[in-house]
Amino acid sequence: TEAEWQTEVETLLRIYGWEWLHVRKSLGKRGGATAWQ
């Protein structure tokens, strides 16, 4: 899944000394409807 793939990438980043920011999705409004953003 995309979440599993991200975990793999984050593991490699950690191994090679990288830091990162991941902006998480949250529920919001888009066009008057609730949507992930």
Full PDB file with SEQRES, HELIX, SHEET, SSBOND, CRYST1, ORIGX, SCALE, CONECT and MASTER records, all heavy atoms in Angstrom:
SEQRES   1 A   37  THR GLU ALA GLU TRP GLN THR GLU VAL GLU THR LEU LEU          
SEQRES   2 A   37  ARG ILE TYR GLY TRP GLU TRP LEU HIS VAL ARG LYS SER          
SEQRES   3 A   37  LEU GLY LYS ARG GLY GLY ALA THR ALA TRP GLN                  
HELIX    1 AA1 GLU A    2  ILE A   15  1                                  14    
SHEET    1 AA1 2 LEU A  27  ARG A  30  0                                        
SHEET    2 AA1 2 ALA A  33  TRP A  36 -1                                        
CRYST1    1.000    1.000    1.000  90.00  90.00  90.00 P 1           1          
ORIGX1      1.000000  0.000000  0.000000        0.00000                         
ORIGX2      0.000000  1.000000  0.000000        0.00000                         
ORIGX3      0.000000  0.000000  1.000000        0.00000                         
SCALE1      1.000000  0.000000  0.000000        0.00000                         
SCALE2      0.000000  1.000000  0.000000        0.00000                         
SCALE3      0.000000  0.000000  1.000000        0.00000                         
ATOM      1  N   THR A   1       0.861  -1.178   0.000  1.00  0.00           N  
ATOM      2  CA  THR A   1       0.000   0.000   0.000  1.00  0.00           C  
ATOM      3  C   THR A   1       0.903   1.236   0.000  1.00  0.00           C  
ATOM      4  O   THR A   1       2.105   1.140   0.260  1.00  0.00           O  
ATOM      5  CB  THR A   1      -0.891   0.039   1.246  1.00  0.00           C  
ATOM      6  OG1 THR A   1      -0.046   0.203   2.398  1.00  0.00           O  
ATOM      7  CG2 THR A   1      -1.731  -1.226   1.377  1.00  0.00           C  
ATOM      8  N   GLU A   2       0.333   2.395  -0.241  1.00  0.00           N  
ATOM      9  CA  GLU A   2       1.129   3.622  -0.209  1.00  0.00           C  
ATOM     10  C   GLU A   2       1.709   3.855   1.190  1.00  0.00           C  
ATOM     11  O   GLU A   2       2.850   4.288   1.337  1.00  0.00           O  
ATOM     12  CB  GLU A   2       0.296   4.819  -0.644  1.00  0.00           C  
ATOM     13  CG  GLU A   2       1.129   6.078  -0.792  1.00  0.00           C  
ATOM     14  CD  GLU A   2       0.385   7.220  -1.437  1.00  0.00           C  
ATOM     15  OE1 GLU A   2      -0.376   6.996  -2.390  1.00  0.00           O  
ATOM     16  OE2 GLU A   2       0.594   8.360  -0.979  1.00  0.00           O  
ATOM     17  N   ALA A   3       0.935   3.541   2.236  1.00  0.00           N  
ATOM     18  CA  ALA A   3       1.424   3.704   3.618  1.00  0.00           C  
ATOM     19  C   ALA A   3       2.607   2.770   3.896  1.00  0.00           C  
ATOM     20  O   ALA A   3       3.589   3.168   4.535  1.00  0.00           O  
ATOM     21  CB  ALA A   3       0.300   3.447   4.606  1.00  0.00           C  
ATOM     22  N   GLU A   4       2.540   1.535   3.414  1.00  0.00           N  
ATOM     23  CA  GLU A   4       3.653   0.595   3.598  1.00  0.00           C  
ATOM     24  C   GLU A   4       4.883   1.057   2.820  1.00  0.00           C  
ATOM     25  O   GLU A   4       6.008   0.963   3.309  1.00  0.00           O  
ATOM     26  CB  GLU A   4       3.239  -0.810   3.151  1.00  0.00           C  
ATOM     27  CG  GLU A   4       2.203  -1.440   4.054  1.00  0.00           C  
ATOM     28  CD  GLU A   4       1.581  -2.689   3.454  1.00  0.00           C  
ATOM     29  OE1 GLU A   4       1.488  -2.790   2.198  1.00  0.00           O  
ATOM     30  OE2 GLU A   4       1.178  -3.560   4.225  1.00  0.00           O  
ATOM     31  N   TRP A   5       4.666   1.558   1.615  1.00  0.00           N  
ATOM     32  CA  TRP A   5       5.751   2.063   0.786  1.00  0.00           C  
ATOM     33  C   TRP A   5       6.432   3.246   1.487  1.00  0.00           C  
ATOM     34  O   TRP A   5       7.642   3.345   1.535  1.00  0.00           O  
ATOM     35  CB  TRP A   5       5.200   2.457  -0.570  1.00  0.00           C  
ATOM     36  CG  TRP A   5       6.111   3.094  -1.573  1.00  0.00           C  
ATOM     37  CD1 TRP A   5       5.803   4.158  -2.356  1.00  0.00           C  
ATOM     38  CD2 TRP A   5       7.439   2.712  -1.947  1.00  0.00           C  
ATOM     39  NE1 TRP A   5       6.869   4.467  -3.176  1.00  0.00           N  
ATOM     40  CE2 TRP A   5       7.886   3.589  -2.937  1.00  0.00           C  
ATOM     41  CE3 TRP A   5       8.308   1.716  -1.523  1.00  0.00           C  
ATOM     42  CZ2 TRP A   5       9.149   3.516  -3.510  1.00  0.00           C  
ATOM     43  CZ3 TRP A   5       9.565   1.634  -2.095  1.00  0.00           C  
ATOM     44  CH2 TRP A   5       9.971   2.523  -3.079  1.00  0.00           C  
ATOM     45  N   GLN A   6       5.612   4.134   2.075  1.00  0.00           N  
ATOM     46  CA  GLN A   6       6.165   5.281   2.793  1.00  0.00           C  
ATOM     47  C   GLN A   6       7.011   4.823   3.982  1.00  0.00           C  
ATOM     48  O   GLN A   6       8.085   5.381   4.231  1.00  0.00           O  
ATOM     49  CB  GLN A   6       5.059   6.211   3.274  1.00  0.00           C  
ATOM     50  CG  GLN A   6       5.608   7.423   3.991  1.00  0.00           C  
ATOM     51  CD  GLN A   6       4.573   8.472   4.240  1.00  0.00           C  
ATOM     52  OE1 GLN A   6       3.658   8.661   3.447  1.00  0.00           O  
ATOM     53  NE2 GLN A   6       4.710   9.183   5.338  1.00  0.00           N  
ATOM     54  N   THR A   7       6.573   3.800   4.696  1.00  0.00           N  
ATOM     55  CA  THR A   7       7.352   3.260   5.814  1.00  0.00           C  
ATOM     56  C   THR A   7       8.705   2.761   5.332  1.00  0.00           C  
ATOM     57  O   THR A   7       9.735   2.989   5.985  1.00  0.00           O  
ATOM     58  CB  THR A   7       6.573   2.131   6.521  1.00  0.00           C  
ATOM     59  OG1 THR A   7       5.355   2.676   7.039  1.00  0.00           O  
ATOM     60  CG2 THR A   7       7.367   1.516   7.652  1.00  0.00           C  
ATOM     61  N   GLU A   8       8.739   2.079   4.193  1.00  0.00           N  
ATOM     62  CA  GLU A   8       9.999   1.597   3.621  1.00  0.00           C  
ATOM     63  C   GLU A   8      10.925   2.768   3.277  1.00  0.00           C  
ATOM     64  O   GLU A   8      12.117   2.742   3.571  1.00  0.00           O  
ATOM     65  CB  GLU A   8       9.741   0.753   2.367  1.00  0.00           C  
ATOM     66  CG  GLU A   8       8.977  -0.526   2.617  1.00  0.00           C  
ATOM     67  CD  GLU A   8       9.780  -1.571   3.358  1.00  0.00           C  
ATOM     68  OE1 GLU A   8      11.020  -1.547   3.298  1.00  0.00           O  
ATOM     69  OE2 GLU A   8       9.160  -2.428   4.005  1.00  0.00           O  
ATOM     70  N   VAL A   9      10.371   3.807   2.650  1.00  0.00           N  
ATOM     71  CA  VAL A   9      11.165   4.977   2.275  1.00  0.00           C  
ATOM     72  C   VAL A   9      11.701   5.667   3.530  1.00  0.00           C  
ATOM     73  O   VAL A   9      12.871   6.036   3.597  1.00  0.00           O  
ATOM     74  CB  VAL A   9      10.334   5.950   1.413  1.00  0.00           C  
ATOM     75  CG1 VAL A   9      11.052   7.274   1.219  1.00  0.00           C  
ATOM     76  CG2 VAL A   9      10.002   5.319   0.062  1.00  0.00           C  
ATOM     77  N   GLU A  10      10.846   5.824   4.555  1.00  0.00           N  
ATOM     78  CA  GLU A  10      11.285   6.465   5.800  1.00  0.00           C  
ATOM     79  C   GLU A  10      12.393   5.662   6.485  1.00  0.00           C  
ATOM     80  O   GLU A  10      13.319   6.241   7.062  1.00  0.00           O  
ATOM     81  CB  GLU A  10      10.108   6.657   6.741  1.00  0.00           C  
ATOM     82  CG  GLU A  10       9.153   7.742   6.258  1.00  0.00           C  
ATOM     83  CD  GLU A  10       7.900   7.853   7.110  1.00  0.00           C  
ATOM     84  OE1 GLU A  10       7.676   6.994   7.994  1.00  0.00           O  
ATOM     85  OE2 GLU A  10       7.130   8.810   6.883  1.00  0.00           O  
ATOM     86  N   THR A  11      12.328   4.347   6.400  1.00  0.00           N  
ATOM     87  CA  THR A  11      13.390   3.511   6.962  1.00  0.00           C  
ATOM     88  C   THR A  11      14.716   3.800   6.269  1.00  0.00           C  
ATOM     89  O   THR A  11      15.753   3.959   6.916  1.00  0.00           O  
ATOM     90  CB  THR A  11      13.026   2.018   6.844  1.00  0.00           C  
ATOM     91  OG1 THR A  11      11.834   1.777   7.598  1.00  0.00           O  
ATOM     92  CG2 THR A  11      14.142   1.125   7.351  1.00  0.00           C  
ATOM     93  N   LEU A  12      14.690   3.875   4.943  1.00  0.00           N  
ATOM     94  CA  LEU A  12      15.909   4.186   4.193  1.00  0.00           C  
ATOM     95  C   LEU A  12      16.417   5.593   4.512  1.00  0.00           C  
ATOM     96  O   LEU A  12      17.626   5.812   4.662  1.00  0.00           O  
ATOM     97  CB  LEU A  12      15.668   4.046   2.695  1.00  0.00           C  
ATOM     98  CG  LEU A  12      15.571   2.614   2.186  1.00  0.00           C  
ATOM     99  CD1 LEU A  12      15.117   2.595   0.733  1.00  0.00           C  
ATOM    100  CD2 LEU A  12      16.896   1.894   2.348  1.00  0.00           C  
ATOM    101  N   LEU A  13      15.513   6.554   4.622  1.00  0.00           N  
ATOM    102  CA  LEU A  13      15.920   7.909   4.983  1.00  0.00           C  
ATOM    103  C   LEU A  13      16.648   7.912   6.333  1.00  0.00           C  
ATOM    104  O   LEU A  13      17.698   8.532   6.484  1.00  0.00           O  
ATOM    105  CB  LEU A  13      14.705   8.838   5.035  1.00  0.00           C  
ATOM    106  CG  LEU A  13      14.060   9.193   3.695  1.00  0.00           C  
ATOM    107  CD1 LEU A  13      12.718   9.870   3.921  1.00  0.00           C  
ATOM    108  CD2 LEU A  13      14.979  10.077   2.861  1.00  0.00           C  
ATOM    109  N   ARG A  14      16.080   7.205   7.290  1.00  0.00           N  
ATOM    110  CA  ARG A  14      16.672   7.128   8.631  1.00  0.00           C  
ATOM    111  C   ARG A  14      18.063   6.494   8.569  1.00  0.00           C  
ATOM    112  O   ARG A  14      19.019   6.999   9.159  1.00  0.00           O  
ATOM    113  CB  ARG A  14      15.750   6.331   9.552  1.00  0.00           C  
ATOM    114  CG  ARG A  14      16.137   6.356  11.010  1.00  0.00           C  
ATOM    115  CD  ARG A  14      15.130   5.627  11.897  1.00  0.00           C  
ATOM    116  NE  ARG A  14      13.805   6.258  11.855  1.00  0.00           N  
ATOM    117  CZ  ARG A  14      12.733   5.729  11.252  1.00  0.00           C  
ATOM    118  NH1 ARG A  14      12.796   4.559  10.652  1.00  0.00           N  
ATOM    119  NH2 ARG A  14      11.578   6.361  11.261  1.00  0.00           N  
ATOM    120  N   ILE A  15      18.197   5.390   7.839  1.00  0.00           N  
ATOM    121  CA  ILE A  15      19.475   4.681   7.714  1.00  0.00           C  
ATOM    122  C   ILE A  15      20.553   5.606   7.144  1.00  0.00           C  
ATOM    123  O   ILE A  15      21.692   5.595   7.596  1.00  0.00           O  
ATOM    124  CB  ILE A  15      19.320   3.421   6.832  1.00  0.00           C  
ATOM    125  CG1 ILE A  15      18.537   2.344   7.596  1.00  0.00           C  
ATOM    126  CG2 ILE A  15      20.679   2.887   6.383  1.00  0.00           C  
ATOM    127  CD1 ILE A  15      18.098   1.168   6.735  1.00  0.00           C  
ATOM    128  N   TYR A  16      20.180   6.428   6.149  1.00  0.00           N  
ATOM    129  CA  TYR A  16      21.156   7.280   5.477  1.00  0.00           C  
ATOM    130  C   TYR A  16      21.261   8.684   6.072  1.00  0.00           C  
ATOM    131  O   TYR A  16      21.881   9.565   5.482  1.00  0.00           O  
ATOM    132  CB  TYR A  16      20.859   7.334   3.976  1.00  0.00           C  
ATOM    133  CG  TYR A  16      21.204   6.024   3.312  1.00  0.00           C  
ATOM    134  CD1 TYR A  16      20.223   5.097   3.011  1.00  0.00           C  
ATOM    135  CD2 TYR A  16      22.526   5.702   3.029  1.00  0.00           C  
ATOM    136  CE1 TYR A  16      20.546   3.879   2.421  1.00  0.00           C  
ATOM    137  CE2 TYR A  16      22.852   4.479   2.444  1.00  0.00           C  
ATOM    138  CZ  TYR A  16      21.853   3.583   2.147  1.00  0.00           C  
ATOM    139  OH  TYR A  16      22.180   2.382   1.573  1.00  0.00           O  
ATOM    140  N   GLY A  17      20.681   8.891   7.245  1.00  0.00           N  
ATOM    141  CA  GLY A  17      20.879  10.142   7.968  1.00  0.00           C  
ATOM    142  C   GLY A  17      20.020  11.318   7.538  1.00  0.00           C  
ATOM    143  O   GLY A  17      20.359  12.465   7.813  1.00  0.00           O  
ATOM    144  N   TRP A  18      18.907  11.041   6.886  1.00  0.00           N  
ATOM    145  CA  TRP A  18      18.010  12.106   6.450  1.00  0.00           C  
ATOM    146  C   TRP A  18      16.933  12.349   7.505  1.00  0.00           C  
ATOM    147  O   TRP A  18      16.540  11.446   8.239  1.00  0.00           O  
ATOM    148  CB  TRP A  18      17.329  11.733   5.137  1.00  0.00           C  
ATOM    149  CG  TRP A  18      18.237  11.792   3.956  1.00  0.00           C  
ATOM    150  CD1 TRP A  18      19.189  10.875   3.615  1.00  0.00           C  
ATOM    151  CD2 TRP A  18      18.295  12.813   2.985  1.00  0.00           C  
ATOM    152  NE1 TRP A  18      19.833  11.267   2.475  1.00  0.00           N  
ATOM    153  CE2 TRP A  18      19.310  12.454   2.058  1.00  0.00           C  
ATOM    154  CE3 TRP A  18      17.591  13.996   2.786  1.00  0.00           C  
ATOM    155  CZ2 TRP A  18      19.616  13.236   0.956  1.00  0.00           C  
ATOM    156  CZ3 TRP A  18      17.906  14.768   1.686  1.00  0.00           C  
ATOM    157  CH2 TRP A  18      18.911  14.399   0.787  1.00  0.00           C  
ATOM    158  N   GLU A  19      16.429  13.573   7.548  1.00  0.00           N  
ATOM    159  CA  GLU A  19      15.252  13.924   8.338  1.00  0.00           C  
ATOM    160  C   GLU A  19      14.145  14.275   7.356  1.00  0.00           C  
ATOM    161  O   GLU A  19      14.420  14.566   6.187  1.00  0.00           O  
ATOM    162  CB  GLU A  19      15.563  15.122   9.238  1.00  0.00           C  
ATOM    163  CG  GLU A  19      16.680  14.843  10.231  1.00  0.00           C  
ATOM    164  CD  GLU A  19      17.046  16.077  11.013  1.00  0.00           C  
ATOM    165  OE1 GLU A  19      16.248  16.497  11.868  1.00  0.00           O  
ATOM    166  OE2 GLU A  19      18.131  16.634  10.737  1.00  0.00           O  
ATOM    167  N   TRP A  20      12.889  14.272   7.820  1.00  0.00           N  
ATOM    168  CA  TRP A  20      11.807  14.553   6.888  1.00  0.00           C  
ATOM    169  C   TRP A  20      10.593  15.115   7.609  1.00  0.00           C  
ATOM    170  O   TRP A  20      10.426  14.981   8.808  1.00  0.00           O  
ATOM    171  CB  TRP A  20      11.409  13.300   6.105  1.00  0.00           C  
ATOM    172  CG  TRP A  20      10.868  12.199   6.956  1.00  0.00           C  
ATOM    173  CD1 TRP A  20       9.557  11.961   7.277  1.00  0.00           C  
ATOM    174  CD2 TRP A  20      11.613  11.192   7.624  1.00  0.00           C  
ATOM    175  NE1 TRP A  20       9.454  10.863   8.087  1.00  0.00           N  
ATOM    176  CE2 TRP A  20      10.706  10.376   8.322  1.00  0.00           C  
ATOM    177  CE3 TRP A  20      12.972  10.897   7.706  1.00  0.00           C  
ATOM    178  CZ2 TRP A  20      11.104   9.293   9.083  1.00  0.00           C  
ATOM    179  CZ3 TRP A  20      13.364   9.820   8.472  1.00  0.00           C  
ATOM    180  CH2 TRP A  20      12.437   9.027   9.139  1.00  0.00           C  
ATOM    181  N   LEU A  21       9.762  15.750   6.794  1.00  0.00           N  
ATOM    182  CA  LEU A  21       8.469  16.267   7.229  1.00  0.00           C  
ATOM    183  C   LEU A  21       7.406  15.568   6.406  1.00  0.00           C  
ATOM    184  O   LEU A  21       7.513  15.497   5.176  1.00  0.00           O  
ATOM    185  CB  LEU A  21       8.395  17.785   6.975  1.00  0.00           C  
ATOM    186  CG  LEU A  21       7.007  18.407   7.095  1.00  0.00           C  
ATOM    187  CD1 LEU A  21       6.554  18.414   8.559  1.00  0.00           C  
ATOM    188  CD2 LEU A  21       7.003  19.811   6.525  1.00  0.00           C  
ATOM    189  N   HIS A  22       6.416  15.041   7.096  1.00  0.00           N  
ATOM    190  CA  HIS A  22       5.259  14.445   6.416  1.00  0.00           C  
ATOM    191  C   HIS A  22       4.028  15.199   6.885  1.00  0.00           C  
ATOM    192  O   HIS A  22       3.699  15.181   8.062  1.00  0.00           O  
ATOM    193  CB  HIS A  22       5.129  12.956   6.756  1.00  0.00           C  
ATOM    194  CG  HIS A  22       3.853  12.345   6.267  1.00  0.00           C  
ATOM    195  ND1 HIS A  22       3.555  12.244   4.925  1.00  0.00           N  
ATOM    196  CD2 HIS A  22       2.805  11.822   6.926  1.00  0.00           C  
ATOM    197  CE1 HIS A  22       2.357  11.669   4.798  1.00  0.00           C  
ATOM    198  NE2 HIS A  22       1.896  11.412   5.996  1.00  0.00           N  
ATOM    199  N   VAL A  23       3.377  15.911   5.958  1.00  0.00           N  
ATOM    200  CA  VAL A  23       2.147  16.634   6.285  1.00  0.00           C  
ATOM    201  C   VAL A  23       1.000  15.651   6.137  1.00  0.00           C  
ATOM    202  O   VAL A  23       0.723  15.159   5.044  1.00  0.00           O  
ATOM    203  CB  VAL A  23       1.948  17.860   5.359  1.00  0.00           C  
ATOM    204  CG1 VAL A  23       0.660  18.583   5.705  1.00  0.00           C  
ATOM    205  CG2 VAL A  23       3.141  18.795   5.469  1.00  0.00           C  
ATOM    206  N   ARG A  24       0.380  15.341   7.250  1.00  0.00           N  
ATOM    207  CA  ARG A  24      -0.686  14.337   7.249  1.00  0.00           C  
ATOM    208  C   ARG A  24      -1.999  14.906   6.718  1.00  0.00           C  
ATOM    209  O   ARG A  24      -2.272  16.082   6.849  1.00  0.00           O  
ATOM    210  CB  ARG A  24      -0.890  13.803   8.653  1.00  0.00           C  
ATOM    211  CG  ARG A  24       0.367  13.174   9.198  1.00  0.00           C  
ATOM    212  CD  ARG A  24       0.104  12.459  10.510  1.00  0.00           C  
ATOM    213  NE  ARG A  24       1.339  12.024  11.126  1.00  0.00           N  
ATOM    214  CZ  ARG A  24       2.071  11.001  10.738  1.00  0.00           C  
ATOM    215  NH1 ARG A  24       1.687  10.295   9.710  1.00  0.00           N  
ATOM    216  NH2 ARG A  24       3.181  10.671  11.364  1.00  0.00           N  
ATOM    217  N   LYS A  25      -2.796  14.020   6.151  1.00  0.00           N  
ATOM    218  CA  LYS A  25      -4.108  14.425   5.663  1.00  0.00           C  
ATOM    219  C   LYS A  25      -5.076  14.526   6.835  1.00  0.00           C  
ATOM    220  O   LYS A  25      -4.949  13.817   7.819  1.00  0.00           O  
ATOM    221  CB  LYS A  25      -4.625  13.427   4.631  1.00  0.00           C  
ATOM    222  CG  LYS A  25      -3.788  13.416   3.378  1.00  0.00           C  
ATOM    223  CD  LYS A  25      -4.413  12.569   2.312  1.00  0.00           C  
ATOM    224  CE  LYS A  25      -3.492  12.499   1.131  1.00  0.00           C  
ATOM    225  NZ  LYS A  25      -3.798  13.325   0.061  1.00  0.00           N  
ATOM    226  N   SER A  26      -6.032  15.427   6.698  1.00  0.00           N  
ATOM    227  CA  SER A  26      -7.062  15.578   7.719  1.00  0.00           C  
ATOM    228  C   SER A  26      -8.388  15.822   7.016  1.00  0.00           C  
ATOM    229  O   SER A  26      -8.433  16.163   5.835  1.00  0.00           O  
ATOM    230  CB  SER A  26      -6.722  16.730   8.662  1.00  0.00           C  
ATOM    231  OG  SER A  26      -6.683  17.939   7.948  1.00  0.00           O  
ATOM    232  N   LEU A  27      -9.464  15.648   7.750  1.00  0.00           N  
ATOM    233  CA  LEU A  27     -10.785  15.892   7.179  1.00  0.00           C  
ATOM    234  C   LEU A  27     -11.044  17.382   7.131  1.00  0.00           C  
ATOM    235  O   LEU A  27     -10.794  18.103   8.103  1.00  0.00           O  
ATOM    236  CB  LEU A  27     -11.872  15.197   7.999  1.00  0.00           C  
ATOM    237  CG  LEU A  27     -11.990  13.694   7.789  1.00  0.00           C  
ATOM    238  CD1 LEU A  27     -13.022  13.101   8.737  1.00  0.00           C  
ATOM    239  CD2 LEU A  27     -12.366  13.372   6.358  1.00  0.00           C  
ATOM    240  N   GLY A  28     -11.533  17.843   6.013  1.00  0.00           N  
ATOM    241  CA  GLY A  28     -11.862  19.250   5.838  1.00  0.00           C  
ATOM    242  C   GLY A  28     -13.056  19.364   4.903  1.00  0.00           C  
ATOM    243  O   GLY A  28     -13.722  18.378   4.605  1.00  0.00           O  
ATOM    244  N   LYS A  29     -13.314  20.549   4.455  1.00  0.00           N  
ATOM    245  CA  LYS A  29     -14.434  20.792   3.537  1.00  0.00           C  
ATOM    246  C   LYS A  29     -13.905  21.186   2.167  1.00  0.00           C  
ATOM    247  O   LYS A  29     -12.983  21.989   2.046  1.00  0.00           O  
ATOM    248  CB  LYS A  29     -15.319  21.915   4.067  1.00  0.00           C  
ATOM    249  CG  LYS A  29     -16.024  21.592   5.362  1.00  0.00           C  
ATOM    250  CD  LYS A  29     -17.183  20.670   5.113  1.00  0.00           C  
ATOM    251  CE  LYS A  29     -17.956  20.464   6.417  1.00  0.00           C  
ATOM    252  NZ  LYS A  29     -19.024  19.520   6.266  1.00  0.00           N  
ATOM    253  N   ARG A  30     -14.454  20.575   1.151  1.00  0.00           N  
ATOM    254  CA  ARG A  30     -14.118  20.924  -0.232  1.00  0.00           C  
ATOM    255  C   ARG A  30     -15.419  20.956  -1.011  1.00  0.00           C  
ATOM    256  O   ARG A  30     -16.102  19.939  -1.125  1.00  0.00           O  
ATOM    257  CB  ARG A  30     -13.156  19.916  -0.829  1.00  0.00           C  
ATOM    258  CG  ARG A  30     -12.659  20.326  -2.203  1.00  0.00           C  
ATOM    259  CD  ARG A  30     -11.677  19.343  -2.822  1.00  0.00           C  
ATOM    260  NE  ARG A  30     -10.586  19.019  -1.919  1.00  0.00           N  
ATOM    261  CZ  ARG A  30     -10.144  17.782  -1.703  1.00  0.00           C  
ATOM    262  NH1 ARG A  30     -10.691  16.773  -2.322  1.00  0.00           N  
ATOM    263  NH2 ARG A  30      -9.148  17.563  -0.872  1.00  0.00           N  
ATOM    264  N   GLY A  31     -15.777  22.129  -1.509  1.00  0.00           N  
ATOM    265  CA  GLY A  31     -17.035  22.262  -2.246  1.00  0.00           C  
ATOM    266  C   GLY A  31     -18.249  21.961  -1.388  1.00  0.00           C  
ATOM    267  O   GLY A  31     -19.241  21.432  -1.873  1.00  0.00           O  
ATOM    268  N   GLY A  32     -18.154  22.250  -0.098  1.00  0.00           N  
ATOM    269  CA  GLY A  32     -19.267  22.022   0.822  1.00  0.00           C  
ATOM    270  C   GLY A  32     -19.367  20.604   1.346  1.00  0.00           C  
ATOM    271  O   GLY A  32     -20.183  20.310   2.209  1.00  0.00           O  
ATOM    272  N   ALA A  33     -18.537  19.698   0.850  1.00  0.00           N  
ATOM    273  CA  ALA A  33     -18.571  18.299   1.287  1.00  0.00           C  
ATOM    274  C   ALA A  33     -17.318  17.982   2.106  1.00  0.00           C  
ATOM    275  O   ALA A  33     -16.266  18.573   1.911  1.00  0.00           O  
ATOM    276  CB  ALA A  33     -18.650  17.370   0.079  1.00  0.00           C  
ATOM    277  N   THR A  34     -17.447  17.030   3.019  1.00  0.00           N  
ATOM    278  CA  THR A  34     -16.303  16.577   3.795  1.00  0.00           C  
ATOM    279  C   THR A  34     -15.377  15.777   2.888  1.00  0.00           C  
ATOM    280  O   THR A  34     -15.819  14.921   2.125  1.00  0.00           O  
ATOM    281  CB  THR A  34     -16.763  15.697   4.973  1.00  0.00           C  
ATOM    282  OG1 THR A  34     -17.640  16.476   5.786  1.00  0.00           O  
ATOM    283  CG2 THR A  34     -15.606  15.228   5.812  1.00  0.00           C  
ATOM    284  N   ALA A  35     -14.079  16.086   2.966  1.00  0.00           N  
ATOM    285  CA  ALA A  35     -13.104  15.421   2.097  1.00  0.00           C  
ATOM    286  C   ALA A  35     -11.750  15.381   2.777  1.00  0.00           C  
ATOM    287  O   ALA A  35     -11.446  16.223   3.623  1.00  0.00           O  
ATOM    288  CB  ALA A  35     -12.995  16.158   0.764  1.00  0.00           C  
ATOM    289  N   TRP A  36     -10.924  14.393   2.410  1.00  0.00           N  
ATOM    290  CA  TRP A  36      -9.557  14.343   2.903  1.00  0.00           C  
ATOM    291  C   TRP A  36      -8.742  15.399   2.188  1.00  0.00           C  
ATOM    292  O   TRP A  36      -8.848  15.564   0.983  1.00  0.00           O  
ATOM    293  CB  TRP A  36      -8.929  12.969   2.648  1.00  0.00           C  
ATOM    294  CG  TRP A  36      -9.451  11.910   3.539  1.00  0.00           C  
ATOM    295  CD1 TRP A  36     -10.333  10.923   3.207  1.00  0.00           C  
ATOM    296  CD2 TRP A  36      -9.144  11.720   4.922  1.00  0.00           C  
ATOM    297  NE1 TRP A  36     -10.599  10.142   4.295  1.00  0.00           N  
ATOM    298  CE2 TRP A  36      -9.872  10.594   5.363  1.00  0.00           C  
ATOM    299  CE3 TRP A  36      -8.331  12.387   5.836  1.00  0.00           C  
ATOM    300  CZ2 TRP A  36      -9.808  10.132   6.673  1.00  0.00           C  
ATOM    301  CZ3 TRP A  36      -8.261  11.917   7.141  1.00  0.00           C  
ATOM    302  CH2 TRP A  36      -8.987  10.809   7.544  1.00  0.00           C  
ATOM    303  N   GLN A  37      -7.919  16.121   2.940  1.00  0.00           N  
ATOM    304  CA  GLN A  37      -7.055  17.121   2.335  1.00  0.00           C  
ATOM    305  C   GLN A  37      -5.779  17.268   3.146  1.00  0.00           C  
ATOM    306  O   GLN A  37      -5.749  16.975   4.330  1.00  0.00           O  
ATOM    307  CB  GLN A  37      -7.768  18.461   2.207  1.00  0.00           C  
ATOM    308  CG  GLN A  37      -8.253  19.024   3.530  1.00  0.00           C  
ATOM    309  CD  GLN A  37      -9.146  20.236   3.331  1.00  0.00           C  
ATOM    310  OE1 GLN A  37      -9.826  20.339   2.323  1.00  0.00           O  
ATOM    311  NE2 GLN A  37      -9.137  21.135   4.272  1.00  0.00           N  
TER     312      GLN A  37                                                      
MASTER        0    0    0    1    2    0    0    6  311    1    0    3          
END                                                                             
